Amino acid sequence: MSFLGIPIERDDVMLLYNPRIGRYVSCSKAGFHNPGEHLIKRLRSMGLWGAFLNLDALYPHRSRRVLFFPESHSLWYPIPSIRTAGGYAYRTRRLTSAQVSLWRAFDGQQTLGELSENEKVPLDEAKAFCAFLTRLDVQALQFHTRSLPRQHPSLLQMLSDDRPAFGREEHMYDEQGGTDLRSFHANIERGEFHFDNVETSLAHCFAIPHPALSHETYGTRLYRSLEKEIPRSGLLIEIGAGTGELAQAWRSQNRSHRYVRIDASPELLAVQNRLLPETEGILADALALPFEDASTAVVLCNEVIADLEAIPRGKALRWIEDYDLSPLPEGSLYNVGAWKLLEEIERVLISGGVAYLSEFGDIDEIPTETEQLNHPEVSIHFGQLYQVATRLGLRARLIPVTQLLEFDMRSHWLSRHSYDALRARMNGEGRHLQARAWTRKTLQLPWPVDGLDWVSVSEPGPGPLPQRFWALILQK
């Protein structure tokens, strides 16, 4: 990424220009604020200082990552230099009345000179405020050579290091390099917050009614999508029931099944038991289901199979040969844990029984370990999973979850960056913001806020992207 350093009126400040996105950021030439020290030194060594630029003629735009809270006259903005696997750290700054007026006027529709005149703020004062807002260690404001719409993607960009991957603990892998999350699941803590703070599932995010699902919840919509295919009564087992919200939604539609929850986490089972005392919970291994052959009418396994073991080719060779699967590129992992689960499902289903499995991945996606989680989930090669199912004699149907649940992808939710900023302030006040598919109507906050971004559900929000998920529906 190349930059041109362009001096502005003050000798101790320079403006960095990124020609790829047409964006300016200021930093101090003396003192070298972190994180810009290494960057500025590199610029100086290259002699990239450029020529004088008339700052008055540039258009100031608010970063889409920054929120303004009117009740405290404060900005809440990410710190570019502190970026962890969980996202940016945040800090706040209280504004004067004049600065509040300027901040609200930084809408990208006026040049700095026009804005200063219209807001009746001295130009030197406006420039001093901009010098702070555009610093490399702040980046709450961007200068562009033209007016941009509020949703322009460049207004999300920051000059910072790439987001690092989460570290991994040794017990999360076996000796051959395959994933092993048994210890991780057995030691989950604070289960009621697990899917907000550690791993947000699609079902958890849409456990509140949402316009994308015709104002229904994920669990309710799932039941309606499958009700014509499933036996109306008998044993139903849900493998990995999370906090029990999908089970609660399912039970609200049909209470004729004997509903049994299987989980590897004692903590999550306790959360489920409190929500669903009329159902049964069993601590067990999904790959050794504690049920007799041909005993189960329905199996639900929502967003679990990426947690099951994924192993290298040498260890997976027996299954690859048994199911006549095409080898993947050298070094790839194989979703053998998911294949073993299909074997268990085939064993326990009654004739006419139905199973539903969903997860992130694609029909021909090479299984890939996630980096945004603190444990190594692996995406699913659904083409291979489908082939294993059919080799087991199961009738199989593969369908995107968005198609099965008839997601309206034009619907909107709170953007990921706005969610992160709100969560940072809430955490700072000892509050908790759930990872839900918030809308303008459902998001209830203890204070007013300006600058929230609402994006389509096909763009990053509080939870995973719906279009990344597939469903495999099986019948014996």
Protein backbone atom coordinates (compact mmCIF):
# COMPACT_ATOMS: atom_id res chain seq x y z
CA MET A 1 0.00 0.00 0.00
CA SER A 2 1.60 3.29 -1.08
CA PHE A 3 1.16 6.72 0.46
CA LEU A 4 2.11 10.27 -0.40
CA GLY A 5 2.88 12.54 2.53
CA ILE A 6 1.37 15.99 1.89
CA PRO A 7 2.09 18.83 4.34
CA ILE A 8 -0.77 21.00 5.56
CA GLU A 9 -0.59 24.43 7.19
CA ARG A 10 0.98 23.28 10.46
CA ASP A 11 4.66 22.33 10.32
CA ASP A 12 4.25 19.49 12.84
CA VAL A 13 1.44 17.72 10.99
CA MET A 14 1.44 15.89 7.70
CA LEU A 15 -1.36 14.36 5.68
CA LEU A 16 -0.97 10.81 4.36
CA TYR A 17 -2.76 10.03 1.12
CA ASN A 18 -3.76 6.56 -0.04
CA PRO A 19 -4.33 6.85 -3.81
CA ARG A 20 -6.17 3.51 -3.99
CA ILE A 21 -9.11 4.81 -1.95
CA GLY A 22 -8.48 8.56 -2.31
CA ARG A 23 -8.30 9.09 1.41
CA TYR A 24 -6.27 11.37 3.70
CA VAL A 25 -5.10 10.78 7.28
CA SER A 26 -2.99 13.16 9.36
CA CYS A 27 -0.20 12.35 11.77
CA SER A 28 2.43 14.19 13.73
CA LYS A 29 5.87 14.53 12.15
CA ALA A 30 7.35 15.15 15.57
CA GLY A 31 6.74 12.82 18.47
CA PHE A 32 5.60 9.98 16.21
CA HIS A 33 2.36 8.78 17.77
CA ASN A 34 2.05 5.03 17.90
CA PRO A 35 0.92 3.12 15.84
CA GLY A 36 2.22 5.43 13.10
CA GLU A 37 5.86 5.53 14.13
CA HIS A 38 7.09 2.74 11.86
CA LEU A 39 4.96 3.99 8.97
CA ILE A 40 6.08 7.60 9.26
CA LYS A 41 9.75 6.63 9.53
CA ARG A 42 9.36 4.56 6.39
CA LEU A 43 7.72 7.49 4.59
CA ARG A 44 10.47 9.88 5.63
CA SER A 45 13.16 7.45 4.50
CA MET A 46 11.44 7.28 1.10
CA GLY A 47 11.16 11.04 0.88
CA LEU A 48 7.44 10.91 0.18
CA TRP A 49 6.39 14.35 1.39
CA GLY A 50 4.67 15.68 -1.72
CA ALA A 51 3.46 19.19 -2.41
CA PHE A 52 1.16 21.63 -0.60
CA LEU A 53 -2.54 20.74 -0.60
CA ASN A 54 -5.44 23.10 0.07
CA LEU A 55 -7.18 21.35 2.97
CA ASP A 56 -10.13 23.75 2.80
CA ALA A 57 -11.21 22.21 -0.53
CA LEU A 58 -11.37 18.61 0.77
CA TYR A 59 -14.56 16.89 1.94
CA PRO A 60 -14.51 15.61 5.56
CA HIS A 61 -16.45 12.35 6.10
CA ARG A 62 -17.24 10.65 9.40
CA SER A 63 -15.92 7.11 9.72
CA ARG A 64 -18.76 4.58 9.73
CA ARG A 65 -17.07 2.87 12.67
CA VAL A 66 -17.56 5.85 15.02
CA LEU A 67 -20.64 6.50 17.18
CA PHE A 68 -21.69 9.77 18.80
CA PHE A 69 -23.65 9.78 22.06
CA PRO A 70 -25.60 13.06 22.43
CA GLU A 71 -26.35 12.66 26.13
CA SER A 72 -22.63 12.82 26.98
CA HIS A 73 -21.38 14.74 23.93
CA SER A 74 -18.92 11.91 23.39
CA LEU A 75 -17.46 9.95 20.50
CA TRP A 76 -16.77 6.25 20.81
CA TYR A 77 -14.18 5.13 18.27
CA PRO A 78 -11.90 2.14 17.61
CA ILE A 79 -8.18 2.37 18.36
CA PRO A 80 -6.28 1.40 15.18
CA SER A 81 -3.19 0.34 17.10
CA ILE A 82 -5.03 -2.10 19.38
CA ARG A 83 -6.52 -4.79 17.18
CA THR A 84 -6.95 -8.25 18.62
CA ALA A 85 -8.48 -11.44 17.27
CA GLY A 86 -11.72 -10.25 18.90
CA GLY A 87 -11.64 -6.90 17.07
CA TYR A 88 -10.57 -3.35 17.86
CA ALA A 89 -10.31 -1.84 21.31
CA TYR A 90 -12.30 1.39 21.77
CA ARG A 91 -11.85 4.72 23.53
CA THR A 92 -14.07 7.75 24.03
CA ARG A 93 -13.61 11.52 23.75
CA ARG A 94 -15.92 14.23 25.04
CA LEU A 95 -16.60 17.09 22.58
CA THR A 96 -17.20 20.78 23.13
CA SER A 97 -20.42 22.33 21.84
CA ALA A 98 -18.59 23.74 18.82
CA GLN A 99 -17.05 20.34 18.09
CA VAL A 100 -20.46 18.67 18.33
CA SER A 101 -21.73 21.10 15.71
CA LEU A 102 -18.77 20.32 13.46
CA TRP A 103 -19.02 16.56 13.96
CA ARG A 104 -22.65 16.52 12.92
CA ALA A 105 -21.80 18.63 9.87
CA PHE A 106 -19.05 16.23 8.70
CA ASP A 107 -21.50 14.51 6.37
CA GLY A 108 -19.32 14.54 3.27
CA GLN A 109 -21.58 17.01 1.50
CA GLN A 110 -19.50 20.15 2.16
CA THR A 111 -15.83 21.03 1.92
CA LEU A 112 -14.08 21.96 5.12
CA GLY A 113 -14.07 25.61 4.08
CA GLU A 114 -17.81 25.61 3.35
CA LEU A 115 -18.56 23.72 6.53
CA SER A 116 -16.54 26.12 8.70
CA GLU A 117 -18.36 29.10 7.24
CA ASN A 118 -21.83 27.56 7.48
CA GLU A 119 -21.33 26.38 11.06
CA LYS A 120 -19.72 29.69 12.04
CA VAL A 121 -16.69 27.97 13.49
CA PRO A 122 -13.29 29.64 12.84
CA LEU A 123 -11.35 27.76 10.19
CA ASP A 124 -8.29 27.36 12.43
CA GLU A 125 -10.48 25.81 15.14
CA ALA A 126 -12.08 23.46 12.60
CA LYS A 127 -8.66 22.43 11.31
CA ALA A 128 -7.38 21.78 14.82
CA PHE A 129 -10.35 19.48 15.48
CA CYS A 130 -9.76 17.71 12.15
CA ALA A 131 -6.07 17.32 12.98
CA PHE A 132 -7.09 15.25 16.01
CA LEU A 133 -9.86 13.27 14.31
CA THR A 134 -7.65 12.24 11.38
CA ARG A 135 -4.62 11.21 13.42
CA LEU A 136 -3.31 7.74 12.72
CA ASP A 137 -4.14 6.70 16.26
CA VAL A 138 -7.74 7.99 15.94
CA GLN A 139 -9.01 7.87 12.31
CA ALA A 140 -12.51 9.02 13.24
CA LEU A 141 -12.61 11.34 10.23
CA GLN A 142 -11.55 10.93 6.62
CA PHE A 143 -10.76 13.55 3.99
CA HIS A 144 -11.66 12.81 0.40
CA THR A 145 -11.36 14.79 -2.80
CA ARG A 146 -15.06 14.35 -3.51
CA SER A 147 -18.34 13.88 -1.71
CA LEU A 148 -19.14 10.23 -0.93
CA PRO A 149 -22.43 8.62 0.15
CA ARG A 150 -22.66 7.61 3.81
CA GLN A 151 -22.60 3.87 2.96
CA HIS A 152 -19.47 4.09 0.83
CA PRO A 153 -17.21 1.13 1.76
CA SER A 154 -14.08 3.28 1.99
CA LEU A 155 -15.58 4.95 5.09
CA LEU A 156 -15.07 1.64 6.90
CA GLN A 157 -11.40 1.33 6.06
CA MET A 158 -8.71 2.00 8.63
CA LEU A 159 -4.94 2.08 8.40
CA SER A 160 -4.05 -0.67 10.86
CA ASP A 161 -2.52 -4.11 11.03
CA ASP A 162 -4.52 -7.04 9.71
CA ARG A 163 -6.76 -8.69 12.23
CA PRO A 164 -4.70 -11.40 13.92
CA ALA A 165 -5.90 -14.96 14.23
CA PHE A 166 -6.88 -16.38 17.59
CA GLY A 167 -4.27 -18.47 19.34
CA ARG A 168 -4.87 -22.18 19.69
CA GLU A 169 -4.30 -24.45 22.66
CA GLU A 170 -2.47 -27.73 22.24
CA HIS A 171 -5.37 -29.86 23.48
CA MET A 172 -7.50 -28.68 20.54
CA TYR A 173 -5.56 -30.95 18.15
CA ASP A 174 -4.63 -34.61 18.10
CA GLU A 175 -1.13 -35.94 17.45
CA GLN A 176 -1.71 -36.06 13.67
CA GLY A 177 -2.90 -32.45 13.43
CA GLY A 178 -6.63 -33.16 13.38
CA THR A 179 -9.04 -31.06 15.42
CA ASP A 180 -10.17 -32.29 18.82
CA LEU A 181 -12.63 -30.05 20.73
CA ARG A 182 -13.77 -32.48 23.41
CA SER A 183 -11.90 -30.66 26.17
CA PHE A 184 -13.05 -27.27 24.87
CA HIS A 185 -16.72 -28.26 25.06
CA ALA A 186 -16.37 -29.98 28.41
CA ASN A 187 -14.96 -26.79 29.93
CA ILE A 188 -17.34 -24.14 28.57
CA GLU A 189 -18.12 -21.51 31.23
CA ARG A 190 -20.90 -18.91 31.56
CA GLY A 191 -23.12 -20.80 29.16
CA GLU A 192 -25.83 -18.15 29.03
CA PHE A 193 -23.32 -15.77 27.38
CA HIS A 194 -21.34 -18.31 25.36
CA PHE A 195 -23.04 -17.63 22.03
CA ASP A 196 -22.78 -13.88 22.51
CA ASN A 197 -19.13 -13.72 23.53
CA VAL A 198 -17.39 -16.82 22.15
CA GLU A 199 -19.17 -18.21 19.07
CA THR A 200 -22.35 -16.73 17.68
CA SER A 201 -24.44 -19.19 15.70
CA LEU A 202 -26.93 -18.20 13.02
CA ALA A 203 -29.73 -19.75 15.08
CA HIS A 204 -28.73 -17.75 18.16
CA CYS A 205 -28.52 -14.50 16.23
CA PHE A 206 -32.01 -15.01 14.74
CA ALA A 207 -33.56 -16.38 17.94
CA ILE A 208 -35.53 -13.13 18.05
CA PRO A 209 -38.22 -12.45 15.41
CA HIS A 210 -36.77 -10.77 12.34
CA PRO A 211 -38.17 -9.33 9.08
CA ALA A 212 -35.79 -11.57 7.10
CA LEU A 213 -37.85 -14.53 8.40
CA SER A 214 -41.26 -12.81 8.11
CA HIS A 215 -40.95 -11.74 11.77
CA GLU A 216 -40.48 -15.32 12.97
CA THR A 217 -37.52 -16.80 14.82
CA TYR A 218 -35.01 -19.18 13.27
CA GLY A 219 -36.36 -22.14 15.27
CA THR A 220 -39.98 -21.48 14.36
CA ARG A 221 -39.11 -21.03 10.69
CA LEU A 222 -37.08 -24.25 10.73
CA TYR A 223 -40.03 -26.21 12.13
CA ARG A 224 -42.39 -24.77 9.50
CA SER A 225 -39.89 -25.69 6.77
CA LEU A 226 -39.66 -29.32 7.89
CA GLU A 227 -43.05 -30.11 9.41
CA LYS A 228 -44.43 -31.81 6.26
CA GLU A 229 -41.44 -34.16 6.12
CA ILE A 230 -41.02 -35.23 9.74
CA PRO A 231 -42.94 -37.87 11.71
CA ARG A 232 -45.47 -36.09 13.92
CA SER A 233 -44.50 -37.97 17.09
CA GLY A 234 -41.84 -40.24 18.53
CA LEU A 235 -38.35 -39.61 19.86
CA LEU A 236 -36.67 -36.39 18.74
CA ILE A 237 -33.03 -35.84 19.64
CA GLU A 238 -31.25 -32.53 19.22
CA ILE A 239 -27.48 -32.83 19.10
CA GLY A 240 -25.80 -29.74 20.54
CA ALA A 241 -28.80 -27.68 21.65
CA GLY A 242 -26.84 -24.54 22.53
CA THR A 243 -28.80 -22.47 25.04
CA GLY A 244 -32.05 -24.25 24.17
CA GLU A 245 -33.71 -21.50 22.13
CA LEU A 246 -34.16 -23.61 19.00
CA ALA A 247 -35.73 -26.36 21.13
CA GLN A 248 -38.00 -23.80 22.79
CA ALA A 249 -39.18 -22.53 19.39
CA TRP A 250 -39.70 -26.08 18.10
CA ARG A 251 -41.65 -27.06 21.20
CA SER A 252 -43.91 -24.04 20.78
CA GLN A 253 -45.02 -25.56 17.45
CA ASN A 254 -45.11 -29.26 18.33
CA ARG A 255 -45.12 -30.83 21.80
CA SER A 256 -45.94 -34.38 20.67
CA HIS A 257 -42.32 -35.47 20.33
CA ARG A 258 -40.30 -36.82 23.22
CA TYR A 259 -37.61 -34.14 23.05
CA VAL A 260 -34.12 -35.20 24.21
CA ARG A 261 -31.09 -32.91 24.12
CA ILE A 262 -27.59 -34.36 23.68
CA ASP A 263 -24.65 -32.14 24.59
CA ALA A 264 -20.94 -32.50 25.39
CA SER A 265 -21.02 -29.43 27.65
CA PRO A 266 -22.29 -29.79 31.24
CA GLU A 267 -22.59 -26.00 31.44
CA LEU A 268 -24.77 -25.69 28.34
CA LEU A 269 -26.92 -28.62 29.48
CA ALA A 270 -27.57 -26.75 32.73
CA VAL A 271 -28.64 -23.64 30.78
CA GLN A 272 -30.93 -25.76 28.60
CA ASN A 273 -32.41 -27.52 31.63
CA ARG A 274 -33.40 -24.21 33.20
CA LEU A 275 -35.14 -23.10 30.00
CA LEU A 276 -36.70 -26.45 29.11
CA PRO A 277 -37.34 -28.46 32.32
CA GLU A 278 -40.01 -30.54 30.59
CA THR A 279 -37.46 -31.98 28.13
CA GLU A 280 -34.59 -34.39 28.79
CA GLY A 281 -30.88 -33.53 28.68
CA ILE A 282 -28.10 -36.11 28.40
CA LEU A 283 -24.34 -35.54 28.62
CA ALA A 284 -23.04 -37.68 25.78
CA ASP A 285 -20.79 -37.91 22.73
CA ALA A 286 -22.54 -37.14 19.44
CA LEU A 287 -20.56 -39.93 17.80
CA ALA A 288 -21.81 -42.53 20.31
CA LEU A 289 -25.50 -41.69 20.71
CA PRO A 290 -27.04 -43.45 23.75
CA PHE A 291 -30.03 -44.80 21.82
CA GLU A 292 -30.95 -48.16 20.37
CA ASP A 293 -30.97 -48.91 16.67
CA ALA A 294 -34.08 -47.71 14.81
CA SER A 295 -35.37 -45.79 17.84
CA THR A 296 -35.48 -42.16 16.71
CA ALA A 297 -38.02 -40.32 14.59
CA VAL A 298 -36.21 -36.97 14.21
CA VAL A 299 -32.60 -35.83 14.60
CA LEU A 300 -31.75 -32.12 14.70
CA CYS A 301 -28.11 -31.08 14.48
CA ASN A 302 -27.87 -27.35 13.96
CA GLU A 303 -24.43 -25.76 13.57
CA VAL A 304 -22.52 -28.53 15.33
CA ILE A 305 -20.67 -30.59 12.75
CA ALA A 306 -17.89 -28.01 12.19
CA ASP A 307 -16.90 -28.75 15.81
CA LEU A 308 -16.48 -32.47 15.13
CA GLU A 309 -13.08 -33.85 14.25
CA ALA A 310 -11.50 -32.87 10.94
CA ILE A 311 -8.40 -34.90 10.16
CA PRO A 312 -5.61 -35.10 7.54
CA ARG A 313 -5.78 -37.51 4.63
CA GLY A 314 -3.50 -40.17 6.07
CA LYS A 315 -5.74 -40.68 9.07
CA ALA A 316 -8.93 -40.38 6.96
CA LEU A 317 -7.91 -42.84 4.25
CA ARG A 318 -10.21 -45.66 5.40
CA TRP A 319 -13.33 -43.47 5.15
CA ILE A 320 -12.21 -41.92 1.86
CA GLU A 321 -11.93 -45.39 0.34
CA ASP A 322 -15.10 -46.78 1.95
CA TYR A 323 -17.21 -43.92 0.62
CA ASP A 324 -15.36 -43.64 -2.71
CA LEU A 325 -14.54 -39.97 -2.18
CA SER A 326 -12.23 -37.97 -4.41
CA PRO A 327 -9.05 -36.90 -2.62
CA LEU A 328 -8.69 -33.23 -1.78
CA PRO A 329 -5.52 -31.19 -2.40
CA GLU A 330 -2.45 -32.15 -0.41
CA GLY A 331 -2.60 -30.89 3.18
CA SER A 332 -6.41 -30.67 3.29
CA LEU A 333 -8.52 -31.74 6.24
CA TYR A 334 -11.48 -34.13 5.93
CA ASN A 335 -14.76 -33.78 7.88
CA VAL A 336 -14.55 -37.33 9.23
CA GLY A 337 -16.36 -36.41 12.46
CA ALA A 338 -19.38 -35.31 10.41
CA TRP A 339 -19.23 -38.57 8.42
CA LYS A 340 -19.18 -40.59 11.63
CA LEU A 341 -22.21 -38.68 12.84
CA LEU A 342 -24.07 -39.68 9.67
CA GLU A 343 -23.27 -43.30 10.47
CA GLU A 344 -24.80 -42.84 13.93
CA ILE A 345 -27.84 -41.07 12.51
CA GLU A 346 -28.42 -43.88 10.01
CA ARG A 347 -28.22 -46.37 12.89
CA VAL A 348 -30.72 -44.68 15.23
CA LEU A 349 -33.33 -43.45 12.71
CA ILE A 350 -36.55 -45.38 12.27
CA SER A 351 -37.82 -46.14 8.78
CA GLY A 352 -39.25 -42.85 7.56
CA GLY A 353 -37.26 -40.92 10.17
CA VAL A 354 -35.79 -37.55 9.23
CA ALA A 355 -32.53 -35.80 10.16
CA TYR A 356 -31.56 -32.15 9.69
CA LEU A 357 -27.93 -31.01 9.74
CA SER A 358 -26.74 -27.48 9.05
CA GLU A 359 -23.38 -25.74 9.12
CA PHE A 360 -21.21 -23.23 7.29
CA GLY A 361 -19.35 -24.38 4.18
CA ASP A 362 -20.25 -25.12 0.56
CA ILE A 363 -20.84 -27.95 -1.89
CA ASP A 364 -17.20 -28.17 -2.95
CA GLU A 365 -15.46 -26.10 -0.29
CA ILE A 366 -12.14 -27.51 0.88
CA PRO A 367 -12.56 -27.77 4.68
CA THR A 368 -10.90 -24.71 6.18
CA GLU A 369 -10.16 -23.93 9.81
CA THR A 370 -11.77 -20.70 11.01
CA GLU A 371 -9.57 -17.93 12.39
CA GLN A 372 -12.25 -15.67 13.89
CA LEU A 373 -13.01 -18.08 16.74
CA ASN A 374 -10.88 -19.07 19.71
CA HIS A 375 -11.16 -22.75 18.76
CA PRO A 376 -10.59 -24.56 15.46
CA GLU A 377 -13.97 -25.14 13.85
CA VAL A 378 -13.64 -26.43 10.27
CA SER A 379 -15.98 -25.61 7.39
CA ILE A 380 -17.91 -28.45 5.75
CA HIS A 381 -17.42 -29.94 2.30
CA PHE A 382 -21.12 -30.61 1.75
CA GLY A 383 -20.53 -32.42 -1.52
CA GLN A 384 -18.60 -35.13 0.32
CA LEU A 385 -21.12 -35.14 3.18
CA TYR A 386 -23.95 -35.70 0.68
CA GLN A 387 -22.02 -38.57 -0.93
CA VAL A 388 -21.44 -40.25 2.44
CA ALA A 389 -25.15 -39.96 3.25
CA THR A 390 -26.23 -41.55 -0.01
CA ARG A 391 -23.63 -44.35 0.35
CA LEU A 392 -25.24 -45.09 3.73
CA GLY A 393 -28.56 -45.59 1.94
CA LEU A 394 -30.17 -42.36 3.17
CA ARG A 395 -32.29 -40.20 0.90
CA ALA A 396 -30.54 -36.84 0.94
CA ARG A 397 -31.42 -33.29 -0.03
CA LEU A 398 -28.87 -30.49 0.02
CA ILE A 399 -30.14 -26.91 0.13
CA PRO A 400 -28.85 -23.47 1.21
CA VAL A 401 -30.30 -22.49 4.59
CA THR A 402 -31.35 -19.14 3.12
CA GLN A 403 -33.45 -21.01 0.56
CA LEU A 404 -34.87 -23.54 3.02
CA LEU A 405 -35.94 -20.86 5.50
CA GLU A 406 -36.83 -18.38 2.74
CA PHE A 407 -34.59 -15.65 4.08
CA ASP A 408 -35.37 -12.22 2.70
CA MET A 409 -31.80 -11.11 2.06
CA ARG A 410 -32.97 -7.54 1.39
CA SER A 411 -33.83 -7.17 5.07
CA HIS A 412 -31.49 -5.21 7.32
CA TRP A 413 -29.72 -5.74 10.62
CA LEU A 414 -27.26 -3.79 12.74
CA SER A 415 -23.82 -3.73 11.11
CA ARG A 416 -20.95 -5.60 12.70
CA HIS A 417 -18.93 -2.43 13.29
CA SER A 418 -21.84 -0.65 14.98
CA TYR A 419 -22.49 -3.73 17.10
CA ASP A 420 -18.84 -3.82 18.16
CA ALA A 421 -18.90 -0.14 19.15
CA LEU A 422 -22.13 -0.51 21.14
CA ARG A 423 -20.87 -3.64 22.84
CA ALA A 424 -17.66 -1.84 23.84
CA ARG A 425 -19.58 0.94 25.54
CA MET A 426 -22.02 -1.50 27.17
CA ASN A 427 -19.13 -3.57 28.51
CA GLY A 428 -17.51 -0.41 29.87
CA GLU A 429 -20.68 0.26 31.86
CA GLY A 430 -21.02 -3.32 33.13
CA ARG A 431 -23.89 -4.07 30.73
CA HIS A 432 -24.27 -6.90 28.24
CA LEU A 433 -25.36 -6.61 24.61
CA GLN A 434 -26.53 -9.90 23.11
CA ALA A 435 -25.38 -10.96 19.66
CA ARG A 436 -28.77 -10.77 17.99
CA ALA A 437 -29.98 -9.77 14.52
CA TRP A 438 -30.97 -6.34 15.80
CA THR A 439 -33.25 -4.07 13.79
CA ARG A 440 -34.24 -0.46 14.36
CA LYS A 441 -37.37 -1.70 16.14
CA THR A 442 -35.84 -4.41 18.31
CA LEU A 443 -32.65 -2.65 19.47
CA GLN A 444 -33.40 -0.99 22.80
CA LEU A 445 -30.54 1.07 24.26
CA PRO A 446 -30.19 2.95 27.56
CA TRP A 447 -29.06 6.13 25.77
CA PRO A 448 -29.55 7.80 22.36
CA VAL A 449 -26.88 7.25 19.73
CA ASP A 450 -26.03 8.78 16.35
CA GLY A 451 -24.20 7.02 13.56
CA LEU A 452 -25.55 3.46 13.73
CA ASP A 453 -25.13 1.61 10.45
CA TRP A 454 -27.86 -0.71 9.22
CA VAL A 455 -26.87 -3.09 6.43
CA SER A 456 -28.49 -5.95 4.54
CA VAL A 457 -28.28 -9.37 6.17
CA SER A 458 -25.89 -10.39 3.38
CA GLU A 459 -23.29 -8.03 4.93
CA PRO A 460 -21.45 -8.53 8.26
CA GLY A 461 -23.70 -8.07 11.30
CA PRO A 462 -23.78 -9.34 14.90
CA GLY A 463 -23.76 -12.96 13.72
CA PRO A 464 -22.45 -15.09 10.85
CA LEU A 465 -23.50 -14.46 7.26
CA PRO A 466 -26.64 -16.51 6.42
CA GLN A 467 -25.45 -17.23 2.89
CA ARG A 468 -22.51 -19.24 4.27
CA PHE A 469 -24.82 -21.99 5.60
CA TRP A 470 -26.13 -25.16 4.01
CA ALA A 471 -28.58 -27.78 5.22
CA LEU A 472 -28.50 -31.52 4.61
CA ILE A 473 -31.91 -33.14 5.07
CA LEU A 474 -31.95 -36.92 5.34
CA GLN A 475 -34.67 -39.58 5.37
CA LYS A 476 -34.24 -43.26 6.11
